[in-house]
């Protein structure tokens, strides 16, 4: 079971910086609007609101503070879908030959469209999206729900994530885990 962002999908940090600069937002304001309102983000990744509703609320807030440039910055930030780390994808493809490979991502309702855009839709045996599950990592219940959906004991699950909090939470319910840092360490961990 593997996380998407920070493991298989890589985001260019300049996307937000460039959108802010191009549309007259002070440095850091778009990033704050996207990531600092934890309750709004949580509503999006647990499916309480759609991706479109989440982005609209961010755009409306920035537009109220900075005029039309705020909304345009959100549109520019929203266009990319990131890029695939092909070394990680190679490891996953090899693993699919001998075990079930699942994606487990804290994601919005946009996940399926992003997987299509990245040509990743057929790369997993099953996809677990927190916005569909109605619960997100690091909640222990989310990990247990995924194991139950796979009809397997948590101790039989191997979980990979770049977030230490998520790795610790998964280990706390019995998953074997790997804190992702690079493809080489991942490949080594899978052979142990």
Protein backbone atom coordinates (compact mmCIF):
# COMPACT_ATOMS: atom_id res chain seq x y z
CA UNK A 1 0.00 0.00 0.00
CA UNK A 2 1.58 3.26 -1.11
CA UNK A 3 0.89 6.95 -0.70
CA UNK A 4 0.71 9.17 -3.78
CA UNK A 5 2.01 12.66 -3.02
CA UNK A 6 5.65 12.83 -2.03
CA UNK A 7 6.20 9.20 -3.02
CA UNK A 8 4.89 8.40 -6.49
CA UNK A 9 3.75 11.88 -7.48
CA UNK A 10 6.15 14.80 -7.23
CA UNK A 11 5.02 18.41 -7.11
CA UNK A 12 7.16 21.33 -8.26
CA UNK A 13 7.29 23.79 -5.34
CA UNK A 14 7.49 26.71 -7.76
CA UNK A 15 3.88 26.18 -8.91
CA UNK A 16 2.46 28.06 -5.94
CA UNK A 17 5.25 30.66 -5.87
CA UNK A 18 4.85 31.37 -9.60
CA UNK A 19 1.04 31.63 -9.32
CA UNK A 20 1.37 34.11 -6.45
CA UNK A 21 3.91 36.23 -8.32
CA UNK A 22 2.02 36.18 -11.62
CA UNK A 23 -1.21 37.39 -10.03
CA UNK A 24 0.00 39.90 -7.45
CA UNK A 25 -0.39 37.88 -4.26
CA UNK A 26 2.09 38.44 -1.44
CA UNK A 27 4.55 35.56 -1.10
CA UNK A 28 3.10 32.69 0.90
CA UNK A 29 -0.57 33.75 0.75
CA UNK A 30 -1.72 31.06 -1.70
CA UNK A 31 0.17 28.37 0.22
CA UNK A 32 -1.42 29.57 3.47
CA UNK A 33 -4.90 29.56 1.93
CA UNK A 34 -4.42 26.03 0.60
CA UNK A 35 -2.67 24.33 3.50
CA UNK A 36 -3.09 26.39 6.69
CA UNK A 37 -6.88 26.16 6.97
CA UNK A 38 -6.73 22.61 8.30
CA UNK A 39 -10.48 22.29 8.82
CA UNK A 40 -11.25 23.27 5.20
CA UNK A 41 -8.58 20.93 3.85
CA UNK A 42 -9.86 18.14 6.10
CA UNK A 43 -13.40 18.63 4.77
CA UNK A 44 -12.06 18.23 1.22
CA UNK A 45 -9.96 15.12 1.89
CA UNK A 46 -12.73 13.40 3.81
CA UNK A 47 -15.34 14.03 1.13
CA UNK A 48 -17.48 16.48 3.07
CA UNK A 49 -16.96 18.90 0.18
CA UNK A 50 -15.80 18.28 -3.38
CA UNK A 51 -12.48 19.36 -4.81
CA UNK A 52 -14.30 22.03 -6.80
CA UNK A 53 -16.00 23.39 -3.66
CA UNK A 54 -12.68 23.42 -1.80
CA UNK A 55 -10.90 25.32 -4.56
CA UNK A 56 -13.84 27.73 -4.92
CA UNK A 57 -13.70 28.57 -1.21
CA UNK A 58 -9.95 29.22 -1.49
CA UNK A 59 -10.48 31.36 -4.61
CA UNK A 60 -13.32 33.35 -3.04
CA UNK A 61 -11.25 34.09 0.06
CA UNK A 62 -8.23 35.20 -1.93
CA UNK A 63 -10.37 37.24 -4.31
CA UNK A 64 -11.96 39.03 -1.34
CA UNK A 65 -8.50 39.95 -0.05
CA UNK A 66 -6.56 40.54 -3.28
CA UNK A 67 -9.10 41.09 -6.04
CA UNK A 68 -9.39 39.03 -9.24
CA UNK A 69 -5.72 38.06 -9.04
CA UNK A 70 -6.55 35.85 -6.07
CA UNK A 71 -8.97 33.77 -8.12
CA UNK A 72 -6.59 33.64 -11.10
CA UNK A 73 -3.77 32.39 -8.85
CA UNK A 74 -5.99 29.51 -7.67
CA UNK A 75 -6.83 28.64 -11.29
CA UNK A 76 -3.16 28.61 -12.24
CA UNK A 77 -2.22 26.50 -9.18
CA UNK A 78 -5.05 24.08 -10.02
CA UNK A 79 -3.97 23.29 -13.60
CA UNK A 80 -0.99 20.93 -13.07
CA UNK A 81 -1.35 17.35 -11.87
CA UNK A 82 2.28 16.90 -10.76
CA UNK A 83 4.66 14.40 -12.31
CA UNK A 84 5.33 10.72 -11.80
CA UNK A 85 8.53 9.46 -10.21
CA UNK A 86 9.26 6.72 -12.74
CA UNK A 87 11.76 4.97 -10.46
CA UNK A 88 9.03 4.43 -7.87
CA UNK A 89 6.63 3.35 -10.61
CA UNK A 90 9.16 0.75 -11.79
CA UNK A 91 9.35 -0.66 -8.25
CA UNK A 92 5.54 -0.80 -8.01
CA UNK A 93 5.21 -2.54 -11.34
CA UNK A 94 7.68 -5.17 -10.22
CA UNK A 95 5.82 -5.65 -6.94
CA UNK A 96 2.49 -6.07 -8.72
CA UNK A 97 3.87 -9.26 -10.18
CA UNK A 98 3.93 -10.88 -6.75
CA UNK A 99 1.46 -9.02 -4.50
CA UNK A 100 -1.52 -6.70 -4.44
CA UNK A 101 -0.48 -3.07 -4.83
CA UNK A 102 -2.91 -0.49 -3.50
CA UNK A 103 -2.81 3.28 -3.51
CA UNK A 104 -3.93 4.95 -0.27
CA UNK A 105 -4.02 8.72 -0.59
CA UNK A 106 -5.40 11.59 1.42
CA UNK A 107 -6.98 13.14 -1.64
CA UNK A 108 -9.93 15.14 -2.83
CA UNK A 109 -12.58 14.11 -5.32
CA UNK A 110 -10.10 15.07 -8.05
CA UNK A 111 -7.92 11.96 -7.49
CA UNK A 112 -9.35 9.81 -10.29
CA UNK A 113 -8.93 12.62 -12.82
CA UNK A 114 -5.33 13.19 -11.69
CA UNK A 115 -4.54 9.48 -11.97
CA UNK A 116 -5.90 9.55 -15.53
CA UNK A 117 -3.85 12.64 -16.41
CA UNK A 118 -0.72 11.00 -15.01
CA UNK A 119 -1.42 7.71 -16.82
CA UNK A 120 -1.54 5.93 -13.45
CA UNK A 121 -5.17 4.76 -13.48
CA UNK A 122 -4.25 1.16 -14.33
CA UNK A 123 -1.16 0.91 -12.16
CA UNK A 124 -2.88 -0.25 -8.95
CA UNK A 125 -4.97 -3.24 -8.03
CA UNK A 126 -7.14 -0.97 -5.91
CA UNK A 127 -7.28 2.74 -5.03
CA UNK A 128 -8.27 4.04 -1.60
CA UNK A 129 -9.13 7.72 -1.63
CA UNK A 130 -9.71 9.34 1.76
CA UNK A 131 -12.50 11.49 0.32
CA UNK A 132 -14.36 8.33 -0.68
CA UNK A 133 -13.60 6.54 2.59
CA UNK A 134 -14.82 9.53 4.58
CA UNK A 135 -11.73 9.38 6.80
CA UNK A 136 -8.12 10.32 6.31
CA UNK A 137 -4.66 9.30 7.42
CA UNK A 138 -3.38 9.33 10.14
CA UNK A 139 -6.64 8.12 11.71
CA UNK A 140 -6.18 4.51 12.76
CA UNK A 141 -9.73 3.77 11.64
CA UNK A 142 -8.77 4.70 8.08
CA UNK A 143 -5.99 2.12 8.03
CA UNK A 144 -8.25 -0.53 9.55
CA UNK A 145 -10.96 0.22 6.98
CA UNK A 146 -8.45 -0.26 4.17
CA UNK A 147 -7.23 -3.58 5.60
CA UNK A 148 -10.84 -4.73 5.98
CA UNK A 149 -11.60 -3.77 2.36
CA UNK A 150 -8.61 -5.85 1.30
CA UNK A 151 -9.96 -8.69 3.45
CA UNK A 152 -6.60 -9.02 5.15
CA UNK A 153 -5.14 -8.75 8.61
CA UNK A 154 -3.35 -5.43 9.23
CA UNK A 155 -0.15 -7.35 10.01
CA UNK A 156 -0.14 -8.53 6.39
CA UNK A 157 -0.16 -4.96 5.05
CA UNK A 158 3.01 -3.09 4.10
CA UNK A 159 2.45 0.68 4.07
CA UNK A 160 4.71 3.31 2.44
CA UNK A 161 4.33 7.04 3.08
CA UNK A 162 6.56 10.11 3.23
CA UNK A 163 4.75 11.36 6.35
CA UNK A 164 6.18 10.10 9.62
CA UNK A 165 2.82 10.68 11.34
CA UNK A 166 1.07 8.43 8.82
CA UNK A 167 3.75 5.76 9.09
CA UNK A 168 3.54 5.76 12.91
CA UNK A 169 -0.27 5.60 12.81
CA UNK A 170 -0.20 2.64 10.42
CA UNK A 171 2.35 0.85 12.59
CA UNK A 172 0.13 1.54 15.58
CA UNK A 173 -2.65 -0.63 14.11
CA UNK A 174 -0.28 -3.41 13.11
CA UNK A 175 0.85 -2.52 9.59
CA UNK A 176 4.44 -3.12 8.57
CA UNK A 177 5.70 0.26 7.39
CA UNK A 178 8.36 2.14 5.49
CA UNK A 179 9.01 5.87 5.84
CA UNK A 180 9.70 6.87 2.24
CA UNK A 181 12.83 8.89 1.46
CA UNK A 182 13.87 7.62 -1.98
CA UNK A 183 13.28 4.76 -4.45
CA UNK A 184 16.47 2.90 -3.52
CA UNK A 185 15.52 2.68 0.17
CA UNK A 186 11.99 1.64 -0.83
CA UNK A 187 13.29 -1.14 -3.01
CA UNK A 188 15.57 -2.33 -0.21
CA UNK A 189 12.70 -2.27 2.33
CA UNK A 190 10.53 -4.39 0.05
CA UNK A 191 13.15 -7.12 -0.11
CA UNK A 192 13.44 -7.50 3.69
